[in-house]
Amino acid sequence: MITDATACPQDITYPTDTKIIYACIEKSVLLIDRLYEKKLHKIKPRTDRGKYRKLFLRIAQNRNPRGNTIRKAVKELLTGLKNNIKSIHGLLNTRPQGLTILTPKEYKYLLVIQTVYDQQKSMLENRSHHVADRIVSIHQPHVRPIVRGKLNAKVEFGAKIQLTLMNGFAFLDEFSWDAFNEGKCLLSSVEKYKERWGYYPEIVLADKIYCNRENRKALKELKIVLKAKRLGRPKAGEQSSVSPGERNPIEGKFGQAKVKYGLNRITARLDLTSKSWVACIVLVLNLVKLAQGSPLWLSGFTQCTRENSNLMGNHHPYQTKLVA
């Protein structure tokens, strides 16, 4: 059994503080336009949308803005967002229907806007860039930042999954929008392995983060061999029990899923739709692996299809190409 974790980036723009706050301002202005009625409210609340757009563009078009410039812009944008939120609640209080006048989608956006304001205000006051359950997209508030520490992508924005590989077939063991410690998921993956096959694996191959003392002790009690570097200082002349390429199949499976089947850019927008998208990619990986084990059947199917295409003549020139 080979197991490892990876991130599934969502198709969102790279989030910055000014970009997220300005997106909230734009959405709050649309809500104000939606709730305002001239006969009922007479005077429309002031939004200053042009002013805040110029402020946002001045920061967005600056290649390398200073920290003080960004903080000043964030403070001004938060002031505008606060006024818009206050105006929305004022318009809702004058309506006899109250919050029920909003559609479920509009009500969700209102909650997201208020949460973003609280988070950005807290980070501004504390001079920090970290906050619990930070929202990085108002259209997909379930997406969270995943710190990877890689050279080309130190932070990725999307879900984190854990795959288990057995004889080339992949199984989705964990899916979470929050960054979890995969070292705590090894024993649960071993138990899921037993549920699928009726017995424990003989050998487990995993990354260094999985090979903590707790997991080593539990696997030893289950009489499962964990192929990993021994704890402590290696003895003189001692050879490692793990070959450098033994974990390549799981890394290759990640590469296949991301390069060929779109795991590196999930374009679904909803929470459940994104989960289904990732699960379908894993299903396709297994179908491709299953097809590789049936070359005779596939070759016979392709030959029959080509013969039928020849009998039909040249009316369908793309028939053979599609099958291939």
C-alpha atoms as a PDB file:
ATOM      1  CA  MET A   1       0.000   0.000   0.000  1.00  0.00           C
ATOM      2  CA  ILE A   2       1.374   3.379  -1.088  1.00  0.00           C
ATOM      3  CA  THR A   3      -0.228   6.539   0.280  1.00  0.00           C
ATOM      4  CA  ASP A   4       0.380  10.269  -0.071  1.00  0.00           C
ATOM      5  CA  ALA A   5      -1.460  13.608  -0.029  1.00  0.00           C
ATOM      6  CA  THR A   6      -1.704  16.469  -2.496  1.00  0.00           C
ATOM      7  CA  ALA A   7      -3.632  19.688  -3.091  1.00  0.00           C
ATOM      8  CA  CYS A   8      -6.313  20.235  -5.756  1.00  0.00           C
ATOM      9  CA  PRO A   9      -6.178  23.941  -6.694  1.00  0.00           C
ATOM     10  CA  GLN A  10      -9.459  25.663  -7.494  1.00  0.00           C
ATOM     11  CA  ASP A  11      -9.891  27.909 -10.529  1.00  0.00           C
ATOM     12  CA  ILE A  12      -9.779  31.253  -8.704  1.00  0.00           C
ATOM     13  CA  THR A  13      -7.638  34.345  -9.091  1.00  0.00           C
ATOM     14  CA  TYR A  14      -4.727  34.788  -6.715  1.00  0.00           C
ATOM     15  CA  PRO A  15      -6.309  36.434  -3.664  1.00  0.00           C
ATOM     16  CA  THR A  16      -4.970  39.635  -2.158  1.00  0.00           C
ATOM     17  CA  ASP A  17      -6.477  41.688   0.646  1.00  0.00           C
ATOM     18  CA  THR A  18      -7.388  44.614  -1.586  1.00  0.00           C
ATOM     19  CA  LYS A  19      -8.854  42.328  -4.277  1.00  0.00           C
ATOM     20  CA  ILE A  20     -11.102  40.463  -1.828  1.00  0.00           C
ATOM     21  CA  ILE A  21     -12.325  43.625  -0.099  1.00  0.00           C
ATOM     22  CA  TYR A  22     -13.054  45.361  -3.401  1.00  0.00           C
ATOM     23  CA  ALA A  23     -14.982  42.277  -4.607  1.00  0.00           C
ATOM     24  CA  CYS A  24     -17.095  42.578  -1.452  1.00  0.00           C
ATOM     25  CA  ILE A  25     -17.665  46.265  -2.157  1.00  0.00           C
ATOM     26  CA  GLU A  26     -18.863  45.494  -5.684  1.00  0.00           C
ATOM     27  CA  LYS A  27     -21.238  42.809  -4.421  1.00  0.00           C
ATOM     28  CA  SER A  28     -22.544  45.051  -1.628  1.00  0.00           C
ATOM     29  CA  VAL A  29     -23.265  47.806  -4.161  1.00  0.00           C
ATOM     30  CA  LEU A  30     -25.320  45.332  -6.207  1.00  0.00           C
ATOM     31  CA  LEU A  31     -27.260  44.396  -3.071  1.00  0.00           C
ATOM     32  CA  ILE A  32     -27.965  48.073  -2.365  1.00  0.00           C
ATOM     33  CA  ASP A  33     -29.232  48.552  -5.935  1.00  0.00           C
ATOM     34  CA  ARG A  34     -31.401  45.472  -5.474  1.00  0.00           C
ATOM     35  CA  LEU A  35     -32.969  46.627  -2.169  1.00  0.00           C
ATOM     36  CA  TYR A  36     -33.441  50.323  -2.953  1.00  0.00           C
ATOM     37  CA  GLU A  37     -36.895  51.579  -3.975  1.00  0.00           C
ATOM     38  CA  LYS A  38     -37.355  55.238  -4.804  1.00  0.00           C
ATOM     39  CA  LYS A  39     -40.903  55.473  -3.457  1.00  0.00           C
ATOM     40  CA  LEU A  40     -40.055  53.766  -0.178  1.00  0.00           C
ATOM     41  CA  HIS A  41     -36.586  55.128   0.606  1.00  0.00           C
ATOM     42  CA  LYS A  42     -36.515  58.387  -1.407  1.00  0.00           C
ATOM     43  CA  ILE A  43     -32.784  59.056  -0.875  1.00  0.00           C
ATOM     44  CA  LYS A  44     -30.479  56.313  -2.131  1.00  0.00           C
ATOM     45  CA  PRO A  45     -27.518  55.449   0.157  1.00  0.00           C
ATOM     46  CA  ARG A  46     -24.194  56.785  -1.019  1.00  0.00           C
ATOM     47  CA  THR A  47     -21.724  54.092  -2.190  1.00  0.00           C
ATOM     48  CA  ASP A  48     -18.806  56.033  -3.807  1.00  0.00           C
ATOM     49  CA  ARG A  49     -18.233  53.111  -6.171  1.00  0.00           C
ATOM     50  CA  GLY A  50     -16.095  55.198  -8.536  1.00  0.00           C
ATOM     51  CA  LYS A  51     -13.821  56.366  -5.727  1.00  0.00           C
ATOM     52  CA  TYR A  52     -13.092  52.867  -4.449  1.00  0.00           C
ATOM     53  CA  ARG A  53     -12.584  51.490  -7.946  1.00  0.00           C
ATOM     54  CA  LYS A  54      -9.887  54.098  -8.622  1.00  0.00           C
ATOM     55  CA  LEU A  55      -8.273  53.244  -5.280  1.00  0.00           C
ATOM     56  CA  PHE A  56      -8.276  49.515  -6.057  1.00  0.00           C
ATOM     57  CA  LEU A  57      -6.862  50.009  -9.564  1.00  0.00           C
ATOM     58  CA  ARG A  58      -4.097  52.241  -8.220  1.00  0.00           C
ATOM     59  CA  ILE A  59      -2.928  49.374  -5.997  1.00  0.00           C
ATOM     60  CA  ALA A  60      -3.579  46.605  -8.543  1.00  0.00           C
ATOM     61  CA  GLN A  61      -1.588  48.354 -11.276  1.00  0.00           C
ATOM     62  CA  ASN A  62       1.350  49.042  -8.978  1.00  0.00           C
ATOM     63  CA  ARG A  63       3.981  46.346  -9.532  1.00  0.00           C
ATOM     64  CA  ASN A  64       5.554  46.553  -6.116  1.00  0.00           C
ATOM     65  CA  PRO A  65       3.455  48.587  -3.660  1.00  0.00           C
ATOM     66  CA  ARG A  66       4.896  49.246  -0.226  1.00  0.00           C
ATOM     67  CA  GLY A  67       3.414  47.735   2.886  1.00  0.00           C
ATOM     68  CA  ASN A  68       2.244  51.085   4.243  1.00  0.00           C
ATOM     69  CA  THR A  69       0.535  51.853   0.921  1.00  0.00           C
ATOM     70  CA  ILE A  70      -1.326  48.540   1.015  1.00  0.00           C
ATOM     71  CA  ARG A  71      -2.356  49.028   4.660  1.00  0.00           C
ATOM     72  CA  LYS A  72      -3.667  52.515   3.902  1.00  0.00           C
ATOM     73  CA  ALA A  73      -5.656  51.209   0.913  1.00  0.00           C
ATOM     74  CA  VAL A  74      -7.057  48.306   2.951  1.00  0.00           C
ATOM     75  CA  LYS A  75      -8.149  50.710   5.673  1.00  0.00           C
ATOM     76  CA  GLU A  76      -9.974  52.962   3.183  1.00  0.00           C
ATOM     77  CA  LEU A  77     -11.617  50.007   1.419  1.00  0.00           C
ATOM     78  CA  LEU A  78     -12.790  48.594   4.756  1.00  0.00           C
ATOM     79  CA  THR A  79     -14.350  51.954   5.566  1.00  0.00           C
ATOM     80  CA  GLY A  80     -16.319  51.856   2.324  1.00  0.00           C
ATOM     81  CA  LEU A  81     -17.355  48.228   2.906  1.00  0.00           C
ATOM     82  CA  LYS A  82     -18.498  49.058   6.442  1.00  0.00           C
ATOM     83  CA  ASN A  83     -20.678  51.901   5.139  1.00  0.00           C
ATOM     84  CA  ASN A  84     -22.203  49.631   2.481  1.00  0.00           C
ATOM     85  CA  ILE A  85     -23.012  46.918   5.029  1.00  0.00           C
ATOM     86  CA  LYS A  86     -24.626  49.537   7.264  1.00  0.00           C
ATOM     87  CA  SER A  87     -26.680  50.791   4.303  1.00  0.00           C
ATOM     88  CA  ILE A  88     -27.833  47.258   3.439  1.00  0.00           C
ATOM     89  CA  HIS A  89     -29.085  46.663   6.972  1.00  0.00           C
ATOM     90  CA  GLY A  90     -30.774  50.057   6.939  1.00  0.00           C
ATOM     91  CA  LEU A  91     -32.629  49.187   3.724  1.00  0.00           C
ATOM     92  CA  LEU A  92     -33.614  45.790   5.113  1.00  0.00           C
ATOM     93  CA  ASN A  93     -35.013  47.347   8.315  1.00  0.00           C
ATOM     94  CA  THR A  94     -37.377  49.534   6.305  1.00  0.00           C
ATOM     95  CA  ARG A  95     -38.749  46.529   4.441  1.00  0.00           C
ATOM     96  CA  PRO A  96     -41.704  44.676   6.026  1.00  0.00           C
ATOM     97  CA  GLN A  97     -40.341  41.383   4.661  1.00  0.00           C
ATOM     98  CA  GLY A  98     -36.949  41.858   6.314  1.00  0.00           C
ATOM     99  CA  LEU A  99     -34.272  39.345   5.317  1.00  0.00           C
ATOM    100  CA  THR A 100     -36.835  37.182   3.521  1.00  0.00           C
ATOM    101  CA  ILE A 101     -36.781  39.611   0.606  1.00  0.00           C
ATOM    102  CA  LEU A 102     -33.296  38.325  -0.259  1.00  0.00           C
ATOM    103  CA  THR A 103     -32.839  35.177  -2.291  1.00  0.00           C
ATOM    104  CA  PRO A 104     -30.780  32.360  -0.695  1.00  0.00           C
ATOM    105  CA  LYS A 105     -27.847  33.277  -2.939  1.00  0.00           C
ATOM    106  CA  GLU A 106     -28.019  36.967  -1.986  1.00  0.00           C
ATOM    107  CA  TYR A 107     -28.312  36.092   1.702  1.00  0.00           C
ATOM    108  CA  LYS A 108     -25.229  33.864   1.391  1.00  0.00           C
ATOM    109  CA  TYR A 109     -23.280  36.713  -0.208  1.00  0.00           C
ATOM    110  CA  LEU A 110     -24.343  39.041   2.619  1.00  0.00           C
ATOM    111  CA  LEU A 111     -23.006  36.612   5.226  1.00  0.00           C
ATOM    112  CA  VAL A 112     -19.749  36.183   3.293  1.00  0.00           C
ATOM    113  CA  ILE A 113     -19.297  39.955   2.972  1.00  0.00           C
ATOM    114  CA  GLN A 114     -19.759  40.454   6.714  1.00  0.00           C
ATOM    115  CA  THR A 115     -17.321  37.620   7.492  1.00  0.00           C
ATOM    116  CA  VAL A 116     -14.695  39.055   5.140  1.00  0.00           C
ATOM    117  CA  TYR A 117     -15.041  42.456   6.798  1.00  0.00           C
ATOM    118  CA  ASP A 118     -14.520  40.965  10.268  1.00  0.00           C
ATOM    119  CA  GLN A 119     -11.510  38.921   9.123  1.00  0.00           C
ATOM    120  CA  GLN A 120      -9.787  41.772   7.277  1.00  0.00           C
ATOM    121  CA  LYS A 121     -10.420  44.195  10.121  1.00  0.00           C
ATOM    122  CA  SER A 122      -8.940  41.740  12.614  1.00  0.00           C
ATOM    123  CA  MET A 123      -5.814  41.215  10.482  1.00  0.00           C
ATOM    124  CA  LEU A 124      -5.420  44.961   9.984  1.00  0.00           C
ATOM    125  CA  GLU A 125      -5.657  45.726  13.692  1.00  0.00           C
ATOM    126  CA  ASN A 126      -3.338  42.870  14.691  1.00  0.00           C
ATOM    127  CA  ARG A 127      -0.891  43.509  11.815  1.00  0.00           C
ATOM    128  CA  SER A 128      -1.173  39.875  10.794  1.00  0.00           C
ATOM    129  CA  HIS A 129      -1.838  37.896   7.622  1.00  0.00           C
ATOM    130  CA  HIS A 130      -3.325  34.858   9.362  1.00  0.00           C
ATOM    131  CA  VAL A 131      -6.863  34.283  10.567  1.00  0.00           C
ATOM    132  CA  ALA A 132      -8.924  31.162  11.204  1.00  0.00           C
ATOM    133  CA  ASP A 133     -11.015  29.923   8.248  1.00  0.00           C
ATOM    134  CA  ARG A 134      -9.798  32.734   6.042  1.00  0.00           C
ATOM    135  CA  ILE A 135     -12.002  33.404   3.001  1.00  0.00           C
ATOM    136  CA  VAL A 136     -10.007  33.773  -0.231  1.00  0.00           C
ATOM    137  CA  SER A 137     -12.939  33.963  -2.673  1.00  0.00           C
ATOM    138  CA  ILE A 138     -16.375  35.435  -2.007  1.00  0.00           C
ATOM    139  CA  HIS A 139     -17.863  33.267  -4.766  1.00  0.00           C
ATOM    140  CA  GLN A 140     -16.349  30.097  -3.276  1.00  0.00           C
ATOM    141  CA  PRO A 141     -16.149  30.771   0.471  1.00  0.00           C
ATOM    142  CA  HIS A 142     -15.426  27.096   1.224  1.00  0.00           C
ATOM    143  CA  VAL A 143     -11.964  27.324  -0.401  1.00  0.00           C
ATOM    144  CA  ARG A 144      -9.047  27.602   2.013  1.00  0.00           C
ATOM    145  CA  PRO A 145      -5.312  28.317   1.543  1.00  0.00           C
ATOM    146  CA  ILE A 146      -3.108  25.202   1.686  1.00  0.00           C
ATOM    147  CA  VAL A 147       0.528  25.937   2.558  1.00  0.00           C
ATOM    148  CA  ARG A 148       2.675  23.555   0.507  1.00  0.00           C
ATOM    149  CA  GLY A 149       6.132  25.113   0.760  1.00  0.00           C
ATOM    150  CA  LYS A 150       7.045  24.275  -2.840  1.00  0.00           C
ATOM    151  CA  LEU A 151       9.264  26.501  -4.936  1.00  0.00           C
ATOM    152  CA  ASN A 152       6.734  27.297  -7.660  1.00  0.00           C
ATOM    153  CA  ALA A 153       3.661  27.384  -5.398  1.00  0.00           C
ATOM    154  CA  LYS A 154       4.240  28.070  -1.716  1.00  0.00           C
ATOM    155  CA  VAL A 155       0.482  28.368  -1.124  1.00  0.00           C
ATOM    156  CA  GLU A 156      -2.277  26.657  -3.108  1.00  0.00           C
ATOM    157  CA  PHE A 157      -5.973  27.431  -2.813  1.00  0.00           C
ATOM    158  CA  GLY A 158      -8.273  24.438  -2.888  1.00  0.00           C
ATOM    159  CA  ALA A 159      -8.951  21.090  -1.286  1.00  0.00           C
ATOM    160  CA  LYS A 160      -6.432  18.656   0.127  1.00  0.00           C
ATOM    161  CA  ILE A 161      -6.820  14.961  -0.612  1.00  0.00           C
ATOM    162  CA  GLN A 162      -5.096  11.737   0.355  1.00  0.00           C
ATOM    163  CA  LEU A 163      -4.840   8.884  -2.132  1.00  0.00           C
ATOM    164  CA  THR A 164      -3.980   5.247  -1.475  1.00  0.00           C
ATOM    165  CA  LEU A 165      -2.494   3.179  -4.282  1.00  0.00           C
ATOM    166  CA  MET A 166      -2.821  -0.582  -4.472  1.00  0.00           C
ATOM    167  CA  ASN A 167      -1.589  -2.462  -7.573  1.00  0.00           C
ATOM    168  CA  GLY A 168      -1.947   0.710  -9.627  1.00  0.00           C
ATOM    169  CA  PHE A 169      -5.542   1.449  -8.541  1.00  0.00           C
ATOM    170  CA  ALA A 170      -6.186   4.679  -6.623  1.00  0.00           C
ATOM    171  CA  PHE A 171      -8.615   5.158  -3.722  1.00  0.00           C
ATOM    172  CA  LEU A 172      -9.698   8.518  -2.323  1.00  0.00           C
ATOM    173  CA  ASP A 173      -9.299   8.186   1.453  1.00  0.00           C
ATOM    174  CA  GLU A 174      -9.486  11.809   2.608  1.00  0.00           C
ATOM    175  CA  PHE A 175     -10.981  15.024   1.206  1.00  0.00           C
ATOM    176  CA  SER A 176     -10.918  18.259   3.163  1.00  0.00           C
ATOM    177  CA  TRP A 177     -11.009  21.975   2.420  1.00  0.00           C
ATOM    178  CA  ASP A 178      -8.869  22.579   5.513  1.00  0.00           C
ATOM    179  CA  ALA A 179      -5.179  21.770   5.615  1.00  0.00           C
ATOM    180  CA  PHE A 180      -4.915  18.550   7.640  1.00  0.00           C
ATOM    181  CA  ASN A 181      -1.868  16.715   8.915  1.00  0.00           C
ATOM    182  CA  GLU A 182      -1.677  13.625   6.712  1.00  0.00           C
ATOM    183  CA  GLY A 183       0.438  11.854   9.316  1.00  0.00           C
ATOM    184  CA  LYS A 184      -2.698  11.376  11.434  1.00  0.00           C
ATOM    185  CA  CYS A 185      -4.555   9.721   8.538  1.00  0.00           C
ATOM    186  CA  LEU A 186      -2.239   6.753   7.954  1.00  0.00           C
ATOM    187  CA  LEU A 187      -3.936   4.376  10.404  1.00  0.00           C
ATOM    188  CA  SER A 188      -7.398   5.242   9.056  1.00  0.00           C
ATOM    189  CA  SER A 189      -6.156   4.463   5.528  1.00  0.00           C
ATOM    190  CA  VAL A 190      -4.857   1.108   6.740  1.00  0.00           C
ATOM    191  CA  GLU A 191      -8.263   0.319   8.255  1.00  0.00           C
ATOM    192  CA  LYS A 192     -10.002   1.329   5.010  1.00  0.00           C
ATOM    193  CA  TYR A 193      -7.629  -0.978   3.174  1.00  0.00           C
ATOM    194  CA  LYS A 194      -8.818  -3.845   5.359  1.00  0.00           C
ATOM    195  CA  GLU A 195     -12.468  -2.942   4.720  1.00  0.00           C
ATOM    196  CA  ARG A 196     -11.885  -3.093   0.972  1.00  0.00           C
ATOM    197  CA  TRP A 197      -9.839  -6.280   0.769  1.00  0.00           C
ATOM    198  CA  GLY A 198     -10.536  -8.129   3.995  1.00  0.00           C
ATOM    199  CA  TYR A 199      -6.957  -8.086   5.279  1.00  0.00           C
ATOM    200  CA  TYR A 200      -4.221  -5.638   6.250  1.00  0.00           C
ATOM    201  CA  PRO A 201      -1.462  -4.732   3.797  1.00  0.00           C
ATOM    202  CA  GLU A 202       1.844  -6.504   4.163  1.00  0.00           C
ATOM    203  CA  ILE A 203       3.964  -3.449   3.355  1.00  0.00           C
ATOM    204  CA  VAL A 204       3.199   0.278   3.642  1.00  0.00           C
ATOM    205  CA  LEU A 205       5.119   2.936   1.720  1.00  0.00           C
ATOM    206  CA  ALA A 206       4.604   6.518   2.832  1.00  0.00           C
ATOM    207  CA  ASP A 207       6.287   9.903   2.991  1.00  0.00           C
ATOM    208  CA  LYS A 208       8.429  11.053   5.895  1.00  0.00           C
ATOM    209  CA  ILE A 209       5.560  12.912   7.580  1.00  0.00           C
ATOM    210  CA  TYR A 210       3.653   9.633   8.022  1.00  0.00           C
ATOM    211  CA  CYS A 211       6.529   7.865   9.734  1.00  0.00           C
ATOM    212  CA  ASN A 212       6.134   9.222  13.269  1.00  0.00           C
ATOM    213  CA  ARG A 213       6.589   7.123  16.389  1.00  0.00           C
ATOM    214  CA  GLU A 214       2.863   6.608  16.935  1.00  0.00           C
ATOM    215  CA  ASN A 215       2.313   5.214  13.445  1.00  0.00           C
ATOM    216  CA  ARG A 216       5.423   3.049  13.626  1.00  0.00           C
ATOM    217  CA  LYS A 217       4.272   1.516  16.898  1.00  0.00           C
ATOM    218  CA  ALA A 218       0.709   0.877  15.663  1.00  0.00           C
ATOM    219  CA  LEU A 219       1.869  -0.734  12.413  1.00  0.00           C
ATOM    220  CA  LYS A 220       4.336  -2.897  14.309  1.00  0.00           C
ATOM    221  CA  GLU A 221       1.518  -4.205  16.505  1.00  0.00           C
ATOM    222  CA  LEU A 222      -0.472  -5.052  13.370  1.00  0.00           C
ATOM    223  CA  LYS A 223       2.628  -6.821  11.935  1.00  0.00           C
ATOM    224  CA  ILE A 224       2.756  -4.448   8.985  1.00  0.00           C
ATOM    225  CA  VAL A 225       6.138  -3.510   7.533  1.00  0.00           C
ATOM    226  CA  LEU A 226       6.638   0.255   7.198  1.00  0.00           C
ATOM    227  CA  LYS A 227       9.312   0.913   4.619  1.00  0.00           C
ATOM    228  CA  ALA A 228      10.907   4.077   5.912  1.00  0.00           C
ATOM    229  CA  LYS A 229      14.183   5.426   7.169  1.00  0.00           C
ATOM    230  CA  ARG A 230      14.996   4.210  10.677  1.00  0.00           C
ATOM    231  CA  LEU A 231      14.720   6.775  13.473  1.00  0.00           C
ATOM    232  CA  GLY A 232      17.911   8.057  15.001  1.00  0.00           C
ATOM    233  CA  ARG A 233      21.399   8.380  13.616  1.00  0.00           C
ATOM    234  CA  PRO A 234      22.192   5.718  10.996  1.00  0.00           C
ATOM    235  CA  LYS A 235      24.900   3.218  11.832  1.00  0.00           C
ATOM    236  CA  ALA A 236      28.154   3.129   9.914  1.00  0.00           C
ATOM    237  CA  GLY A 237      27.730   1.197   6.675  1.00  0.00           C
ATOM    238  CA  GLU A 238      23.988   0.730   7.186  1.00  0.00           C
ATOM    239  CA  GLN A 239      21.982   0.713   3.949  1.00  0.00           C
ATOM    240  CA  SER A 240      18.563   2.319   3.718  1.00  0.00           C
ATOM    241  CA  SER A 241      15.611  -0.047   3.550  1.00  0.00           C
ATOM    242  CA  VAL A 242      13.797   2.235   1.098  1.00  0.00           C
ATOM    243  CA  SER A 243      14.821   2.622  -2.534  1.00  0.00           C
ATOM    244  CA  PRO A 244      14.539   6.151  -3.959  1.00  0.00           C
ATOM    245  CA  GLY A 245      12.044   5.129  -6.648  1.00  0.00           C
ATOM    246  CA  GLU A 246       9.709   2.899  -4.657  1.00  0.00           C
ATOM    247  CA  ARG A 247       7.199   5.720  -4.067  1.00  0.00           C
ATOM    248  CA  ASN A 248       7.271   6.851  -7.689  1.00  0.00           C
ATOM    249  CA  PRO A 249       3.926   5.184  -8.602  1.00  0.00           C
ATOM    250  CA  ILE A 250       1.896   7.469  -6.318  1.00  0.00           C
ATOM    251  CA  GLU A 251       3.761  10.568  -7.540  1.00  0.00           C
ATOM    252  CA  GLY A 252       3.209   9.459 -11.122  1.00  0.00           C
ATOM    253  CA  LYS A 253      -0.488   8.984 -10.408  1.00  0.00           C
ATOM    254  CA  PHE A 254      -0.706  12.559  -9.108  1.00  0.00           C
ATOM    255  CA  GLY A 255       1.080  13.800 -12.212  1.00  0.00           C
ATOM    256  CA  GLN A 256      -1.247  11.843 -14.490  1.00  0.00           C
ATOM    257  CA  ALA A 257      -4.319  13.228 -12.729  1.00  0.00           C
ATOM    258  CA  LYS A 258      -3.092  16.832 -12.798  1.00  0.00           C
ATOM    259  CA  VAL A 259      -1.600  16.955 -16.290  1.00  0.00           C
ATOM    260  CA  LYS A 260      -4.078  14.800 -18.194  1.00  0.00           C
ATOM    261  CA  TYR A 261      -7.367  15.000 -16.290  1.00  0.00           C
ATOM    262  CA  GLY A 262      -7.482  18.467 -14.735  1.00  0.00           C
ATOM    263  CA  LEU A 263      -6.792  17.821 -11.064  1.00  0.00           C
ATOM    264  CA  ASN A 264      -4.514  20.868 -11.042  1.00  0.00           C
ATOM    265  CA  ARG A 265      -7.423  23.200 -11.868  1.00  0.00           C
ATOM    266  CA  ILE A 266     -10.867  22.363 -10.518  1.00  0.00           C
ATOM    267  CA  THR A 267     -13.315  24.631 -12.337  1.00  0.00           C
ATOM    268  CA  ALA A 268     -16.397  23.541 -10.376  1.00  0.00           C
ATOM    269  CA  ARG A 269     -17.728  26.281  -8.114  1.00  0.00           C
ATOM    270  CA  LEU A 270     -19.854  24.543  -5.481  1.00  0.00           C
ATOM    271  CA  ASP A 271     -18.565  22.504  -2.562  1.00  0.00           C
ATOM    272  CA  LEU A 272     -20.274  19.222  -3.446  1.00  0.00           C
ATOM    273  CA  THR A 273     -19.650  19.670  -7.172  1.00  0.00           C
ATOM    274  CA  SER A 274     -15.906  20.042  -6.551  1.00  0.00           C
ATOM    275  CA  LYS A 275     -15.896  16.870  -4.456  1.00  0.00           C
ATOM    276  CA  SER A 276     -17.706  15.006  -7.234  1.00  0.00           C
ATOM    277  CA  TRP A 277     -15.224  16.418  -9.768  1.00  0.00           C
ATOM    278  CA  VAL A 278     -12.234  15.072  -7.822  1.00  0.00           C
ATOM    279  CA  ALA A 279     -13.912  11.698  -7.247  1.00  0.00           C
ATOM    280  CA  CYS A 280     -14.663  11.376 -10.978  1.00  0.00           C
ATOM    281  CA  ILE A 281     -11.011  12.071 -11.818  1.00  0.00           C
ATOM    282  CA  VAL A 282      -9.974   9.235  -9.486  1.00  0.00           C
ATOM    283  CA  LEU A 283     -12.582   7.027 -11.162  1.00  0.00           C
ATOM    284  CA  VAL A 284     -11.138   7.841 -14.600  1.00  0.00           C
ATOM    285  CA  LEU A 285      -7.636   6.969 -13.363  1.00  0.00           C
ATOM    286  CA  ASN A 286      -8.887   3.540 -12.323  1.00  0.00           C
ATOM    287  CA  LEU A 287     -10.772   3.031 -15.596  1.00  0.00           C
ATOM    288  CA  VAL A 288      -7.619   3.816 -17.560  1.00  0.00           C
ATOM    289  CA  LYS A 289      -5.662   1.369 -15.411  1.00  0.00           C
ATOM    290  CA  LEU A 290      -8.370  -1.252 -15.907  1.00  0.00           C
ATOM    291  CA  ALA A 291      -8.301  -0.723 -19.671  1.00  0.00           C
ATOM    292  CA  GLN A 292      -4.534  -1.230 -19.704  1.00  0.00           C
ATOM    293  CA  GLY A 293      -5.078  -4.689 -18.264  1.00  0.00           C
ATOM    294  CA  SER A 294      -7.446  -5.681 -21.082  1.00  0.00           C
ATOM    295  CA  PRO A 295      -5.464  -5.157 -24.316  1.00  0.00           C
ATOM    296  CA  LEU A 296      -7.115  -8.043 -26.192  1.00  0.00           C
ATOM    297  CA  TRP A 297     -10.636  -6.767 -25.571  1.00  0.00           C
ATOM    298  CA  LEU A 298      -9.703  -3.217 -26.526  1.00  0.00           C
ATOM    299  CA  SER A 299      -7.893  -4.288 -29.681  1.00  0.00           C
ATOM    300  CA  GLY A 300     -10.876  -6.401 -30.743  1.00  0.00           C
ATOM    301  CA  PHE A 301     -13.262  -3.507 -30.058  1.00  0.00           C
ATOM    302  CA  THR A 302     -11.104  -1.095 -32.064  1.00  0.00           C
ATOM    303  CA  GLN A 303     -10.814  -3.547 -34.971  1.00  0.00           C
ATOM    304  CA  CYS A 304     -14.583  -4.154 -35.088  1.00  0.00           C
ATOM    305  CA  THR A 305     -15.267  -0.422 -35.032  1.00  0.00           C
ATOM    306  CA  ARG A 306     -12.855   0.200 -37.883  1.00  0.00           C
ATOM    307  CA  GLU A 307     -14.437  -2.601 -39.939  1.00  0.00           C
ATOM    308  CA  ASN A 308     -17.880  -1.087 -39.387  1.00  0.00           C
ATOM    309  CA  SER A 309     -16.503   2.285 -40.420  1.00  0.00           C
ATOM    310  CA  ASN A 310     -15.130   0.799 -43.653  1.00  0.00           C
ATOM    311  CA  LEU A 311     -18.489  -0.827 -44.408  1.00  0.00           C
ATOM    312  CA  MET A 312     -20.230   2.500 -43.921  1.00  0.00           C
ATOM    313  CA  GLY A 313     -17.949   4.106 -46.481  1.00  0.00           C
ATOM    314  CA  ASN A 314     -16.573   7.627 -46.292  1.00  0.00           C
ATOM    315  CA  HIS A 315     -19.700   9.205 -44.836  1.00  0.00           C
ATOM    316  CA  HIS A 316     -18.114   9.357 -41.359  1.00  0.00           C
ATOM    317  CA  PRO A 317     -14.441  10.311 -41.818  1.00  0.00           C
ATOM    318  CA  TYR A 318     -13.885  10.926 -38.068  1.00  0.00           C
ATOM    319  CA  GLN A 319     -15.207   7.568 -36.851  1.00  0.00           C
ATOM    320  CA  THR A 320     -11.824   5.809 -36.691  1.00  0.00           C
ATOM    321  CA  LYS A 321     -10.075   8.871 -35.306  1.00  0.00           C
ATOM    322  CA  LEU A 322     -12.518   9.197 -32.391  1.00  0.00           C
ATOM    323  CA  VAL A 323     -12.130   5.526 -31.445  1.00  0.00           C
ATOM    324  CA  ALA A 324      -8.359   5.746 -31.573  1.00  0.00           C
END
